[in-house]
Amino acid sequence: MTEIKRGVLVKSLGASLLALALVACGNGTPPVTLPPLGVSALNGSYVFTASGTSSSDGDYSVIGSFVTDGKGNITSGVADYNFGSGVDDNVPLTGTYTVSTGTATVTLTDGGSVNDTFTTTLVNSGTGQVRGFDGTGTGTLYPQVTSGFTAPGTYSFSLAGEGDGVISGSGEFTAAATGPFTAGNLTFTDAQTAQSYATIAGYLGTPETGGRGFANIEGNNLAYYVVGPNNIQMMGLDERILLNVPAQKQ
């Protein structure tokens, strides 16, 4: 496989207080500006997604998770990459990050010492935008909470990506305690072709390290990452197609 930066250009979510002006009332004291938060603003577990185009591998998608220590280090992580040239799954990650004027720059290093860098603007809550992943990739950074998540349940999901053309669609599945789907449906379009399934087969496994698990929807293999007790992000692991599949437990 041709070399590609595989460090996910992850955007740091942490709380972002860029400047607070404190004005004393009635005593003539000038405002006091607090300095922006440093590396401690990015501290904890995060899930990231990104898609873009590489000059060597064409269109690609990536999904993963990592843990920051609040001191500028990424202590652990794992990611899955789907390139035009092939799939790299379950890739271990470490790395570093810096924070300056409210923007975090994250460098992810894989097991082969390949670095990927991205930036993100720190926000107070919610998701952050991943920018410049592998030069052009964009995506989303999510604070990750794995506690309280169990795989069994009913999920609604959407599809986006590339196959014969642009893919879009939505559906629903119910995963049993043992993993297999007991019910579900799917409707999607790929280029000009529309398909609808009144029932679908599949599987949702138990998550492991980094909140990562394995799934299958109608023969399409996917990696998924737990974002919260009721939310997962999935990405296709088949070379013939790029699929991004967010799912929400009902």
Protein backbone atom coordinates (compact mmCIF):
# COMPACT_ATOMS: atom_id res chain seq x y z
CA MET A 1 0.00 0.00 0.00
CA THR A 2 1.35 3.41 -0.84
CA GLU A 3 2.27 5.57 2.06
CA ILE A 4 -0.33 7.87 3.37
CA LYS A 5 -0.43 9.97 6.48
CA ARG A 6 -2.56 7.96 8.78
CA GLY A 7 -2.46 10.22 11.79
CA VAL A 8 -5.98 11.38 12.16
CA LEU A 9 -6.14 15.11 11.94
CA VAL A 10 -8.18 15.16 15.02
CA LYS A 11 -9.78 18.23 16.38
CA SER A 12 -9.61 18.84 20.07
CA LEU A 13 -12.89 19.26 21.73
CA GLY A 14 -12.10 20.38 25.31
CA ALA A 15 -13.66 23.43 26.93
CA SER A 16 -12.56 26.56 25.13
CA LEU A 17 -12.42 29.78 27.10
CA LEU A 18 -10.32 32.07 24.98
CA ALA A 19 -10.58 35.24 27.10
CA LEU A 20 -12.63 36.42 30.00
CA ALA A 21 -12.82 40.16 30.74
CA LEU A 22 -13.45 40.96 34.38
CA VAL A 23 -14.52 44.55 34.92
CA ALA A 24 -14.56 46.01 38.40
CA CYS A 25 -17.65 48.09 39.01
CA GLY A 26 -17.34 51.74 40.00
CA ASN A 27 -13.71 51.74 41.16
CA GLY A 28 -11.88 52.58 37.94
CA THR A 29 -9.98 49.27 37.86
CA PRO A 30 -9.15 48.31 34.25
CA PRO A 31 -10.44 45.01 32.81
CA VAL A 32 -8.34 41.93 33.46
CA THR A 33 -7.90 39.47 30.56
CA LEU A 34 -7.21 35.86 31.49
CA PRO A 35 -4.84 33.89 29.22
CA PRO A 36 -6.31 31.21 26.93
CA LEU A 37 -6.39 27.68 28.20
CA GLY A 38 -3.42 25.46 27.40
CA VAL A 39 -3.03 21.75 26.77
CA SER A 40 -5.14 20.92 29.82
CA ALA A 41 -8.20 22.01 27.82
CA LEU A 42 -7.91 18.77 25.83
CA ASN A 43 -8.10 16.00 28.38
CA GLY A 44 -9.86 12.64 28.19
CA SER A 45 -11.20 10.27 25.54
CA TYR A 46 -12.30 11.29 22.04
CA VAL A 47 -13.71 9.69 18.88
CA PHE A 48 -12.83 11.17 15.50
CA THR A 49 -13.95 10.71 11.92
CA ALA A 50 -12.49 12.21 8.74
CA SER A 51 -12.86 11.86 4.97
CA GLY A 52 -10.82 13.40 2.18
CA THR A 53 -8.68 12.78 -0.88
CA SER A 54 -5.03 11.71 -0.95
CA SER A 55 -2.77 12.31 -3.95
CA SER A 56 -1.43 8.76 -3.61
CA ASP A 57 -4.54 6.80 -2.59
CA GLY A 58 -7.54 8.77 -3.77
CA ASP A 59 -10.64 9.15 -1.62
CA TYR A 60 -10.44 7.77 1.91
CA SER A 61 -12.25 7.62 5.24
CA VAL A 62 -10.90 7.11 8.76
CA ILE A 63 -12.44 6.55 12.18
CA GLY A 64 -10.79 6.08 15.56
CA SER A 65 -10.47 6.99 19.22
CA PHE A 66 -7.67 8.31 21.39
CA VAL A 67 -6.95 9.30 25.00
CA THR A 68 -5.20 12.55 25.99
CA ASP A 69 -3.53 13.22 29.34
CA GLY A 70 -4.10 17.00 29.53
CA LYS A 71 -0.32 17.51 29.26
CA GLY A 72 0.19 17.35 25.50
CA ASN A 73 0.39 13.58 25.10
CA ILE A 74 -1.86 11.02 23.43
CA THR A 75 -1.37 8.00 25.64
CA SER A 76 -3.31 5.44 23.61
CA GLY A 77 -5.59 5.11 20.63
CA VAL A 78 -6.85 2.91 17.81
CA ALA A 79 -8.10 3.67 14.30
CA ASP A 80 -9.43 2.12 11.09
CA TYR A 81 -8.48 3.47 7.64
CA ASN A 82 -10.22 2.80 4.32
CA PHE A 83 -8.10 4.03 1.38
CA GLY A 84 -8.46 3.61 -2.33
CA SER A 85 -5.47 1.26 -2.07
CA GLY A 86 -6.80 -0.92 0.74
CA VAL A 87 -7.95 -1.11 4.34
CA ASP A 88 -5.86 -0.83 7.52
CA ASP A 89 -7.93 -1.88 10.51
CA ASN A 90 -7.36 -1.84 14.27
CA VAL A 91 -4.22 0.36 13.97
CA PRO A 92 -2.67 1.37 17.35
CA LEU A 93 -2.07 5.09 17.90
CA THR A 94 -0.04 7.36 20.16
CA GLY A 95 0.92 11.00 19.59
CA THR A 96 1.15 14.55 20.87
CA TYR A 97 -0.83 17.78 20.73
CA THR A 98 -0.46 21.49 21.35
CA VAL A 99 -2.97 24.24 22.06
CA SER A 100 -2.54 27.86 20.98
CA THR A 101 -5.09 30.69 20.96
CA GLY A 102 -7.99 28.29 21.20
CA THR A 103 -6.82 25.92 18.45
CA ALA A 104 -5.46 22.45 19.09
CA THR A 105 -3.01 20.78 16.71
CA VAL A 106 -3.02 17.00 17.06
CA THR A 107 -0.39 14.62 15.68
CA LEU A 108 -1.26 10.94 15.66
CA THR A 109 1.48 8.33 15.25
CA ASP A 110 0.63 4.80 14.14
CA GLY A 111 2.53 1.58 14.85
CA GLY A 112 4.68 2.14 11.75
CA SER A 113 5.76 5.62 12.93
CA VAL A 114 3.64 7.36 10.27
CA ASN A 115 2.31 10.72 11.47
CA ASP A 116 -0.96 12.45 10.64
CA THR A 117 -1.80 15.94 11.85
CA PHE A 118 -5.03 17.87 12.07
CA THR A 119 -6.39 20.94 13.83
CA THR A 120 -9.55 21.70 15.73
CA THR A 121 -10.97 24.72 17.52
CA LEU A 122 -11.75 24.12 21.17
CA VAL A 123 -15.42 24.45 22.03
CA ASN A 124 -17.32 24.57 25.29
CA SER A 125 -19.60 21.63 24.53
CA GLY A 126 -20.74 19.35 21.74
CA THR A 127 -18.67 18.24 18.78
CA GLY A 128 -15.70 19.89 17.12
CA GLN A 129 -14.69 20.04 13.47
CA VAL A 130 -11.65 18.08 12.25
CA ARG A 131 -9.72 20.13 9.69
CA GLY A 132 -6.80 19.34 7.40
CA PHE A 133 -6.66 15.62 7.96
CA ASP A 134 -4.04 14.28 5.54
CA GLY A 135 -4.02 17.74 4.04
CA THR A 136 -7.63 17.91 2.82
CA GLY A 137 -9.70 15.72 5.11
CA THR A 138 -12.50 17.07 7.25
CA GLY A 139 -14.62 15.40 9.88
CA THR A 140 -15.85 15.51 13.44
CA LEU A 141 -14.36 15.10 16.91
CA TYR A 142 -16.60 13.75 19.67
CA PRO A 143 -15.93 13.57 23.42
CA GLN A 144 -16.20 9.85 24.21
CA VAL A 145 -18.13 8.29 27.10
CA THR A 146 -18.09 4.48 27.02
CA SER A 147 -19.65 3.90 30.43
CA GLY A 148 -23.33 3.01 30.27
CA PHE A 149 -23.15 1.65 26.72
CA THR A 150 -24.42 -1.84 25.92
CA ALA A 151 -24.61 -3.12 22.35
CA PRO A 152 -28.08 -4.79 22.38
CA GLY A 153 -30.98 -2.54 21.40
CA THR A 154 -32.73 -0.80 18.52
CA TYR A 155 -30.79 1.76 16.49
CA SER A 156 -31.72 4.23 13.77
CA PHE A 157 -28.90 4.96 11.34
CA SER A 158 -27.99 6.88 8.21
CA LEU A 159 -25.65 6.05 5.32
CA ALA A 160 -23.28 8.37 3.47
CA GLY A 161 -20.32 7.62 1.23
CA GLU A 162 -19.20 6.39 -2.16
CA GLY A 163 -19.88 3.22 -4.13
CA ASP A 164 -20.77 3.27 -7.82
CA GLY A 165 -21.63 6.90 -7.10
CA VAL A 166 -22.71 8.96 -4.11
CA ILE A 167 -24.43 6.83 -1.45
CA SER A 168 -27.14 8.11 0.88
CA GLY A 169 -29.77 6.30 2.89
CA SER A 170 -31.21 5.39 6.27
CA GLY A 171 -32.61 2.48 8.19
CA GLU A 172 -33.08 0.77 11.52
CA PHE A 173 -31.88 -2.43 13.18
CA THR A 174 -32.41 -4.28 16.43
CA ALA A 175 -29.40 -6.19 17.81
CA ALA A 176 -29.93 -9.09 20.21
CA ALA A 177 -27.82 -9.67 23.31
CA THR A 178 -25.78 -12.22 21.34
CA GLY A 179 -25.18 -9.77 18.47
CA PRO A 180 -27.32 -10.80 15.44
CA PHE A 181 -30.08 -8.53 14.18
CA THR A 182 -33.60 -9.65 15.02
CA ALA A 183 -35.30 -6.93 12.95
CA GLY A 184 -34.43 -4.05 10.66
CA ASN A 185 -34.92 -2.21 7.39
CA LEU A 186 -32.86 -0.15 4.95
CA THR A 187 -33.49 2.22 2.04
CA PHE A 188 -30.64 3.82 0.08
CA THR A 189 -29.49 5.16 -3.28
CA ASP A 190 -26.12 4.60 -4.95
CA ALA A 191 -25.73 6.96 -7.91
CA GLN A 192 -29.06 6.56 -9.72
CA THR A 193 -29.87 3.13 -8.27
CA ALA A 194 -32.37 2.93 -5.40
CA GLN A 195 -32.76 -0.13 -3.20
CA SER A 196 -35.03 -0.95 -0.30
CA TYR A 197 -34.90 -3.83 2.19
CA ALA A 198 -37.99 -4.59 4.27
CA THR A 199 -35.76 -6.72 6.52
CA ILE A 200 -31.97 -6.76 6.90
CA ALA A 201 -29.43 -9.21 8.26
CA GLY A 202 -26.47 -8.12 10.32
CA TYR A 203 -24.54 -8.19 13.55
CA LEU A 204 -23.39 -5.76 16.27
CA GLY A 205 -20.58 -7.09 18.44
CA THR A 206 -19.43 -6.14 21.93
CA PRO A 207 -16.99 -3.18 22.04
CA GLU A 208 -13.41 -3.75 23.15
CA THR A 209 -10.39 -1.46 23.69
CA GLY A 210 -11.07 2.20 22.88
CA GLY A 211 -14.80 1.55 22.60
CA ARG A 212 -14.18 -0.16 19.24
CA GLY A 213 -16.39 -2.98 18.01
CA PHE A 214 -17.29 -4.87 14.86
CA ALA A 215 -20.55 -4.72 12.91
CA ASN A 216 -22.05 -6.03 9.68
CA ILE A 217 -25.05 -4.69 7.76
CA GLU A 218 -26.26 -6.71 4.77
CA GLY A 219 -22.81 -8.14 4.09
CA ASN A 220 -20.94 -4.85 4.61
CA ASN A 221 -18.26 -5.12 7.32
CA LEU A 222 -17.88 -2.09 9.58
CA ALA A 223 -15.86 -0.91 12.55
CA TYR A 224 -17.81 1.04 15.15
CA TYR A 225 -16.79 3.31 18.01
CA VAL A 226 -18.86 4.14 21.06
CA VAL A 227 -19.42 7.89 21.41
CA GLY A 228 -21.90 7.77 24.29
CA PRO A 229 -24.44 5.50 25.98
CA ASN A 230 -26.84 5.87 23.04
CA ASN A 231 -24.59 6.79 20.13
CA ILE A 232 -22.06 4.99 17.91
CA GLN A 233 -20.16 5.96 14.76
CA MET A 234 -19.49 3.25 12.14
CA MET A 235 -17.25 3.10 9.07
CA GLY A 236 -17.10 0.50 6.30
CA LEU A 237 -14.11 -1.86 6.08
CA ASP A 238 -14.66 -3.05 2.51
CA GLU A 239 -12.29 -1.71 -0.17
CA ARG A 240 -14.99 -1.55 -2.82
CA ILE A 241 -17.03 1.08 -0.99
CA LEU A 242 -16.65 4.00 1.44
CA LEU A 243 -19.39 4.04 4.08
CA ASN A 244 -19.92 6.31 7.07
CA VAL A 245 -22.77 5.19 9.30
CA PRO A 246 -23.74 7.13 12.45
CA ALA A 247 -26.31 5.29 14.58
CA GLN A 248 -28.46 6.37 17.49
CA LYS A 249 -29.99 3.97 20.01
CA GLN A 250 -33.71 4.55 20.44
